[in-house]
Amino acid sequence: MKGKVPWNKGKHYTISATLKGKPRPWQKGKHLSVEHRAAISAALKGHHPCSSETREKISIGLKGRIVSPETRAKMSAAIRAAMTPEIRAKMSARAIARWRRLKT
C-alpha cells in the first residue's frame, strides 16, 4: 500500500480477561447433529472433484512409477480382501456373458 497508512496502524487490540483461553464467538461455528454429519458423509462418498480429463492427466503422470515391495504387498492384500466370492461369481458371469455375445 504505497503512500497510504494502514487502517490498523498504531492500534493495539487485546483480548479481554473474560475471553482469555476460551473459544471466540466468531470461532465457534455451527454444531451439526450426528444424523446431519452422516448425511453429508454419505453424499460425499464416491465424489470425484476432478474432471475426467484431469484424472487422465494424473493417470499419465503416474504411469511407470516404481512402487516399493511393501506398498505392492499392501495393494495386493487390499485387492484380495475386496474380492469376495460373491463379487468373483458376478465378475465371472459377466465375463461369460460378454464372450457369448462376442462369439455370435
N, C-alpha and C. Protein backbone atom coordinates (compact mmCIF):
# COMPACT_ATOMS: atom_id res chain seq x y z
N MET A 1 0.86 -1.18 0.00
CA MET A 1 0.00 0.00 0.00
C MET A 1 0.89 1.23 0.00
N LYS A 2 1.29 1.58 -1.14
CA LYS A 2 2.20 2.68 -1.30
C LYS A 2 1.52 4.01 -1.00
N GLY A 3 2.08 4.76 -0.09
CA GLY A 3 1.58 6.10 0.19
C GLY A 3 0.37 6.17 1.10
N LYS A 4 -0.17 5.03 1.55
CA LYS A 4 -1.35 5.05 2.41
C LYS A 4 -1.00 4.44 3.75
N VAL A 5 -1.60 4.96 4.78
CA VAL A 5 -1.38 4.44 6.13
C VAL A 5 -2.39 3.32 6.36
N PRO A 6 -1.94 2.14 6.80
CA PRO A 6 -2.88 1.05 7.07
C PRO A 6 -3.91 1.47 8.12
N TRP A 7 -5.12 0.93 8.00
CA TRP A 7 -6.21 1.31 8.89
C TRP A 7 -5.93 0.95 10.34
N ASN A 8 -5.10 -0.09 10.58
CA ASN A 8 -4.85 -0.52 11.95
C ASN A 8 -3.49 -0.06 12.48
N LYS A 9 -2.89 0.87 11.83
CA LYS A 9 -1.58 1.36 12.26
C LYS A 9 -1.72 2.06 13.61
N GLY A 10 -0.96 1.64 14.60
CA GLY A 10 -0.96 2.26 15.91
C GLY A 10 -2.05 1.75 16.85
N LYS A 11 -2.92 0.88 16.37
CA LYS A 11 -3.98 0.35 17.23
C LYS A 11 -3.52 -1.00 17.77
N HIS A 12 -3.61 -1.19 19.04
CA HIS A 12 -3.21 -2.43 19.67
C HIS A 12 -4.43 -3.07 20.30
N TYR A 13 -4.89 -4.14 19.70
CA TYR A 13 -6.06 -4.82 20.21
C TYR A 13 -5.65 -5.90 21.19
N THR A 14 -6.34 -5.98 22.29
CA THR A 14 -6.07 -7.02 23.27
C THR A 14 -7.35 -7.78 23.55
N ILE A 15 -7.19 -9.03 23.93
CA ILE A 15 -8.34 -9.86 24.27
C ILE A 15 -8.66 -9.63 25.74
N SER A 16 -9.93 -9.42 26.02
CA SER A 16 -10.32 -9.16 27.40
C SER A 16 -10.12 -10.40 28.26
N ALA A 17 -10.06 -10.20 29.56
CA ALA A 17 -9.82 -11.30 30.50
C ALA A 17 -10.95 -12.32 30.47
N THR A 18 -12.17 -11.88 30.16
CA THR A 18 -13.30 -12.82 30.14
C THR A 18 -13.20 -13.80 28.98
N LEU A 19 -12.57 -13.40 27.87
CA LEU A 19 -12.46 -14.29 26.72
C LEU A 19 -11.14 -15.06 26.69
N LYS A 20 -10.23 -14.73 27.57
CA LYS A 20 -8.91 -15.35 27.55
C LYS A 20 -9.02 -16.87 27.75
N GLY A 21 -8.44 -17.63 26.84
CA GLY A 21 -8.44 -19.08 26.94
C GLY A 21 -9.72 -19.75 26.49
N LYS A 22 -10.72 -19.01 26.06
CA LYS A 22 -11.98 -19.59 25.61
C LYS A 22 -12.09 -19.41 24.10
N PRO A 23 -12.90 -20.25 23.44
CA PRO A 23 -13.09 -20.03 22.01
C PRO A 23 -13.83 -18.71 21.77
N ARG A 24 -13.40 -18.00 20.78
CA ARG A 24 -14.01 -16.71 20.47
C ARG A 24 -15.37 -16.94 19.83
N PRO A 25 -16.29 -16.02 19.99
CA PRO A 25 -17.62 -16.20 19.39
C PRO A 25 -17.55 -16.42 17.88
N TRP A 26 -16.60 -15.79 17.20
CA TRP A 26 -16.50 -15.94 15.76
C TRP A 26 -15.79 -17.23 15.35
N GLN A 27 -15.27 -17.97 16.34
CA GLN A 27 -14.60 -19.23 16.04
C GLN A 27 -15.46 -20.45 16.36
N LYS A 28 -16.61 -20.24 16.91
CA LYS A 28 -17.41 -21.37 17.39
C LYS A 28 -17.99 -22.19 16.25
N GLY A 29 -18.67 -21.58 15.32
CA GLY A 29 -19.28 -22.32 14.23
C GLY A 29 -20.54 -23.02 14.65
N LYS A 30 -21.13 -23.74 13.70
CA LYS A 30 -22.40 -24.39 13.95
C LYS A 30 -22.14 -25.87 14.21
N HIS A 31 -22.71 -26.41 15.27
CA HIS A 31 -22.54 -27.81 15.59
C HIS A 31 -23.60 -28.61 14.84
N LEU A 32 -23.15 -29.64 14.10
CA LEU A 32 -24.07 -30.46 13.33
C LEU A 32 -24.42 -31.72 14.10
N SER A 33 -25.64 -32.18 13.91
CA SER A 33 -26.07 -33.40 14.59
C SER A 33 -25.38 -34.60 13.94
N VAL A 34 -25.41 -35.73 14.64
CA VAL A 34 -24.78 -36.95 14.12
C VAL A 34 -25.46 -37.37 12.82
N GLU A 35 -26.78 -37.23 12.75
CA GLU A 35 -27.51 -37.61 11.54
C GLU A 35 -27.11 -36.72 10.37
N HIS A 36 -26.97 -35.43 10.64
CA HIS A 36 -26.60 -34.49 9.59
C HIS A 36 -25.19 -34.80 9.07
N ARG A 37 -24.26 -35.09 9.99
CA ARG A 37 -22.89 -35.42 9.58
C ARG A 37 -22.87 -36.71 8.76
N ALA A 38 -23.72 -37.69 9.15
CA ALA A 38 -23.80 -38.95 8.40
C ALA A 38 -24.34 -38.70 7.00
N ALA A 39 -25.33 -37.81 6.88
CA ALA A 39 -25.91 -37.49 5.57
C ALA A 39 -24.87 -36.81 4.67
N ILE A 40 -24.10 -35.90 5.24
CA ILE A 40 -23.05 -35.22 4.46
C ILE A 40 -22.01 -36.24 4.02
N SER A 41 -21.61 -37.14 4.91
CA SER A 41 -20.63 -38.17 4.59
C SER A 41 -21.13 -39.06 3.47
N ALA A 42 -22.40 -39.48 3.54
CA ALA A 42 -22.96 -40.34 2.51
C ALA A 42 -23.03 -39.63 1.16
N ALA A 43 -23.33 -38.33 1.19
CA ALA A 43 -23.43 -37.57 -0.06
C ALA A 43 -22.07 -37.41 -0.72
N LEU A 44 -21.01 -37.36 0.07
CA LEU A 44 -19.68 -37.15 -0.49
C LEU A 44 -18.96 -38.44 -0.87
N LYS A 45 -19.53 -39.59 -0.53
CA LYS A 45 -18.89 -40.87 -0.86
C LYS A 45 -18.87 -41.03 -2.38
N GLY A 46 -17.70 -41.39 -2.91
CA GLY A 46 -17.58 -41.60 -4.35
C GLY A 46 -17.55 -40.33 -5.16
N HIS A 47 -17.49 -39.20 -4.51
CA HIS A 47 -17.48 -37.90 -5.20
C HIS A 47 -16.08 -37.63 -5.75
N HIS A 48 -15.99 -37.31 -7.03
CA HIS A 48 -14.70 -37.00 -7.64
C HIS A 48 -14.69 -35.53 -8.03
N PRO A 49 -13.91 -34.71 -7.34
CA PRO A 49 -13.88 -33.30 -7.66
C PRO A 49 -13.18 -33.00 -8.99
N CYS A 50 -12.39 -33.96 -9.51
CA CYS A 50 -11.65 -33.73 -10.75
C CYS A 50 -12.49 -34.15 -11.95
N SER A 51 -12.27 -33.48 -13.08
CA SER A 51 -12.93 -33.88 -14.31
C SER A 51 -12.24 -35.12 -14.87
N SER A 52 -12.84 -35.75 -15.86
CA SER A 52 -12.24 -36.95 -16.43
C SER A 52 -10.92 -36.62 -17.13
N GLU A 53 -10.81 -35.41 -17.71
CA GLU A 53 -9.56 -35.01 -18.36
C GLU A 53 -8.45 -34.88 -17.33
N THR A 54 -8.76 -34.29 -16.18
CA THR A 54 -7.76 -34.12 -15.12
C THR A 54 -7.32 -35.48 -14.60
N ARG A 55 -8.26 -36.39 -14.40
CA ARG A 55 -7.91 -37.73 -13.92
C ARG A 55 -7.03 -38.45 -14.93
N GLU A 56 -7.30 -38.23 -16.25
CA GLU A 56 -6.48 -38.83 -17.29
C GLU A 56 -5.05 -38.30 -17.22
N LYS A 57 -4.90 -36.99 -17.00
CA LYS A 57 -3.57 -36.38 -16.89
C LYS A 57 -2.82 -36.94 -15.68
N ILE A 58 -3.52 -37.09 -14.56
CA ILE A 58 -2.90 -37.65 -13.35
C ILE A 58 -2.47 -39.09 -13.63
N SER A 59 -3.32 -39.84 -14.32
CA SER A 59 -3.01 -41.22 -14.65
C SER A 59 -1.76 -41.31 -15.50
N ILE A 60 -1.66 -40.46 -16.51
CA ILE A 60 -0.47 -40.45 -17.37
C ILE A 60 0.77 -40.10 -16.56
N GLY A 61 0.64 -39.15 -15.64
CA GLY A 61 1.78 -38.74 -14.82
C GLY A 61 2.26 -39.84 -13.88
N LEU A 62 1.35 -40.72 -13.45
CA LEU A 62 1.72 -41.78 -12.51
C LEU A 62 2.19 -43.05 -13.20
N LYS A 63 2.04 -43.14 -14.53
CA LYS A 63 2.44 -44.34 -15.27
C LYS A 63 3.96 -44.53 -15.16
N GLY A 64 4.40 -45.75 -14.98
CA GLY A 64 5.82 -46.06 -14.92
C GLY A 64 6.46 -45.80 -13.57
N ARG A 65 5.66 -45.43 -12.58
CA ARG A 65 6.19 -45.15 -11.26
C ARG A 65 6.59 -46.46 -10.59
N ILE A 66 7.73 -46.48 -9.95
CA ILE A 66 8.21 -47.69 -9.28
C ILE A 66 7.67 -47.69 -7.85
N VAL A 67 7.04 -48.81 -7.49
CA VAL A 67 6.41 -48.94 -6.17
C VAL A 67 7.25 -49.89 -5.32
N SER A 68 7.40 -49.57 -4.05
CA SER A 68 8.20 -50.41 -3.16
C SER A 68 7.51 -51.75 -2.91
N PRO A 69 8.27 -52.78 -2.56
CA PRO A 69 7.66 -54.10 -2.28
C PRO A 69 6.62 -54.06 -1.15
N GLU A 70 6.84 -53.21 -0.14
CA GLU A 70 5.86 -53.10 0.95
C GLU A 70 4.53 -52.57 0.43
N THR A 71 4.62 -51.55 -0.43
CA THR A 71 3.40 -50.97 -1.00
C THR A 71 2.70 -51.97 -1.88
N ARG A 72 3.47 -52.73 -2.67
CA ARG A 72 2.88 -53.75 -3.53
C ARG A 72 2.15 -54.80 -2.70
N ALA A 73 2.73 -55.17 -1.56
CA ALA A 73 2.09 -56.16 -0.68
C ALA A 73 0.78 -55.61 -0.12
N LYS A 74 0.79 -54.33 0.27
CA LYS A 74 -0.43 -53.70 0.79
C LYS A 74 -1.51 -53.65 -0.29
N MET A 75 -1.12 -53.28 -1.51
CA MET A 75 -2.09 -53.20 -2.61
C MET A 75 -2.67 -54.57 -2.91
N SER A 76 -1.83 -55.59 -2.91
CA SER A 76 -2.28 -56.95 -3.17
C SER A 76 -3.26 -57.42 -2.10
N ALA A 77 -2.95 -57.12 -0.84
CA ALA A 77 -3.83 -57.52 0.26
C ALA A 77 -5.19 -56.81 0.16
N ALA A 78 -5.17 -55.55 -0.23
CA ALA A 78 -6.42 -54.80 -0.36
C ALA A 78 -7.30 -55.38 -1.47
N ILE A 79 -6.67 -55.75 -2.58
CA ILE A 79 -7.44 -56.32 -3.69
C ILE A 79 -8.00 -57.68 -3.30
N ARG A 80 -7.16 -58.50 -2.62
CA ARG A 80 -7.63 -59.82 -2.19
C ARG A 80 -8.79 -59.70 -1.22
N ALA A 81 -8.74 -58.71 -0.33
CA ALA A 81 -9.82 -58.53 0.66
C ALA A 81 -11.11 -58.09 -0.03
N ALA A 82 -10.99 -57.32 -1.12
CA ALA A 82 -12.17 -56.82 -1.81
C ALA A 82 -12.84 -57.88 -2.67
N MET A 83 -12.08 -58.92 -3.07
CA MET A 83 -12.61 -59.95 -3.97
C MET A 83 -13.31 -61.04 -3.17
N THR A 84 -14.52 -60.77 -2.76
CA THR A 84 -15.31 -61.76 -2.04
C THR A 84 -15.84 -62.80 -3.03
N PRO A 85 -16.25 -63.97 -2.58
CA PRO A 85 -16.79 -64.99 -3.50
C PRO A 85 -17.99 -64.49 -4.32
N GLU A 86 -18.82 -63.64 -3.71
CA GLU A 86 -19.98 -63.10 -4.44
C GLU A 86 -19.52 -62.23 -5.60
N ILE A 87 -18.53 -61.38 -5.35
CA ILE A 87 -18.04 -60.49 -6.39
C ILE A 87 -17.34 -61.30 -7.48
N ARG A 88 -16.59 -62.34 -7.10
CA ARG A 88 -15.93 -63.20 -8.09
C ARG A 88 -16.97 -63.86 -8.99
N ALA A 89 -18.06 -64.36 -8.40
CA ALA A 89 -19.10 -65.03 -9.17
C ALA A 89 -19.76 -64.04 -10.14
N LYS A 90 -20.02 -62.82 -9.67
CA LYS A 90 -20.64 -61.81 -10.52
C LYS A 90 -19.73 -61.46 -11.70
N MET A 91 -18.43 -61.28 -11.42
CA MET A 91 -17.48 -60.94 -12.48
C MET A 91 -17.37 -62.09 -13.49
N SER A 92 -17.37 -63.32 -13.00
CA SER A 92 -17.29 -64.48 -13.87
C SER A 92 -18.51 -64.55 -14.78
N ALA A 93 -19.69 -64.35 -14.22
CA ALA A 93 -20.92 -64.39 -15.01
C ALA A 93 -20.91 -63.30 -16.09
N ARG A 94 -20.44 -62.12 -15.76
CA ARG A 94 -20.36 -61.04 -16.75
C ARG A 94 -19.38 -61.38 -17.87
N ALA A 95 -18.23 -61.94 -17.48
CA ALA A 95 -17.23 -62.29 -18.49
C ALA A 95 -17.76 -63.36 -19.43
N ILE A 96 -18.44 -64.36 -18.89
CA ILE A 96 -19.01 -65.43 -19.72
C ILE A 96 -20.06 -64.86 -20.66
N ALA A 97 -20.92 -63.97 -20.15
CA ALA A 97 -21.94 -63.35 -20.99
C ALA A 97 -21.30 -62.51 -22.10
N ARG A 98 -20.24 -61.80 -21.78
CA ARG A 98 -19.56 -60.98 -22.79
C ARG A 98 -18.97 -61.85 -23.89
N TRP A 99 -18.32 -62.94 -23.50
CA TRP A 99 -17.72 -63.82 -24.51
C TRP A 99 -18.81 -64.48 -25.36
N ARG A 100 -19.92 -64.82 -24.78
CA ARG A 100 -21.03 -65.41 -25.57
C ARG A 100 -21.56 -64.39 -26.57
N ARG A 101 -21.66 -63.14 -26.15
CA ARG A 101 -22.13 -62.09 -27.06
C ARG A 101 -21.15 -61.90 -28.21
N LEU A 102 -19.85 -61.93 -27.91
CA LEU A 102 -18.84 -61.70 -28.94
C LEU A 102 -18.73 -62.86 -29.92
N LYS A 103 -19.04 -64.09 -29.47
CA LYS A 103 -18.98 -65.25 -30.34
C LYS A 103 -20.03 -65.19 -31.45
N THR A 104 -21.18 -64.65 -31.14
CA THR A 104 -22.28 -64.63 -32.10
C THR A 104 -22.24 -63.49 -33.04
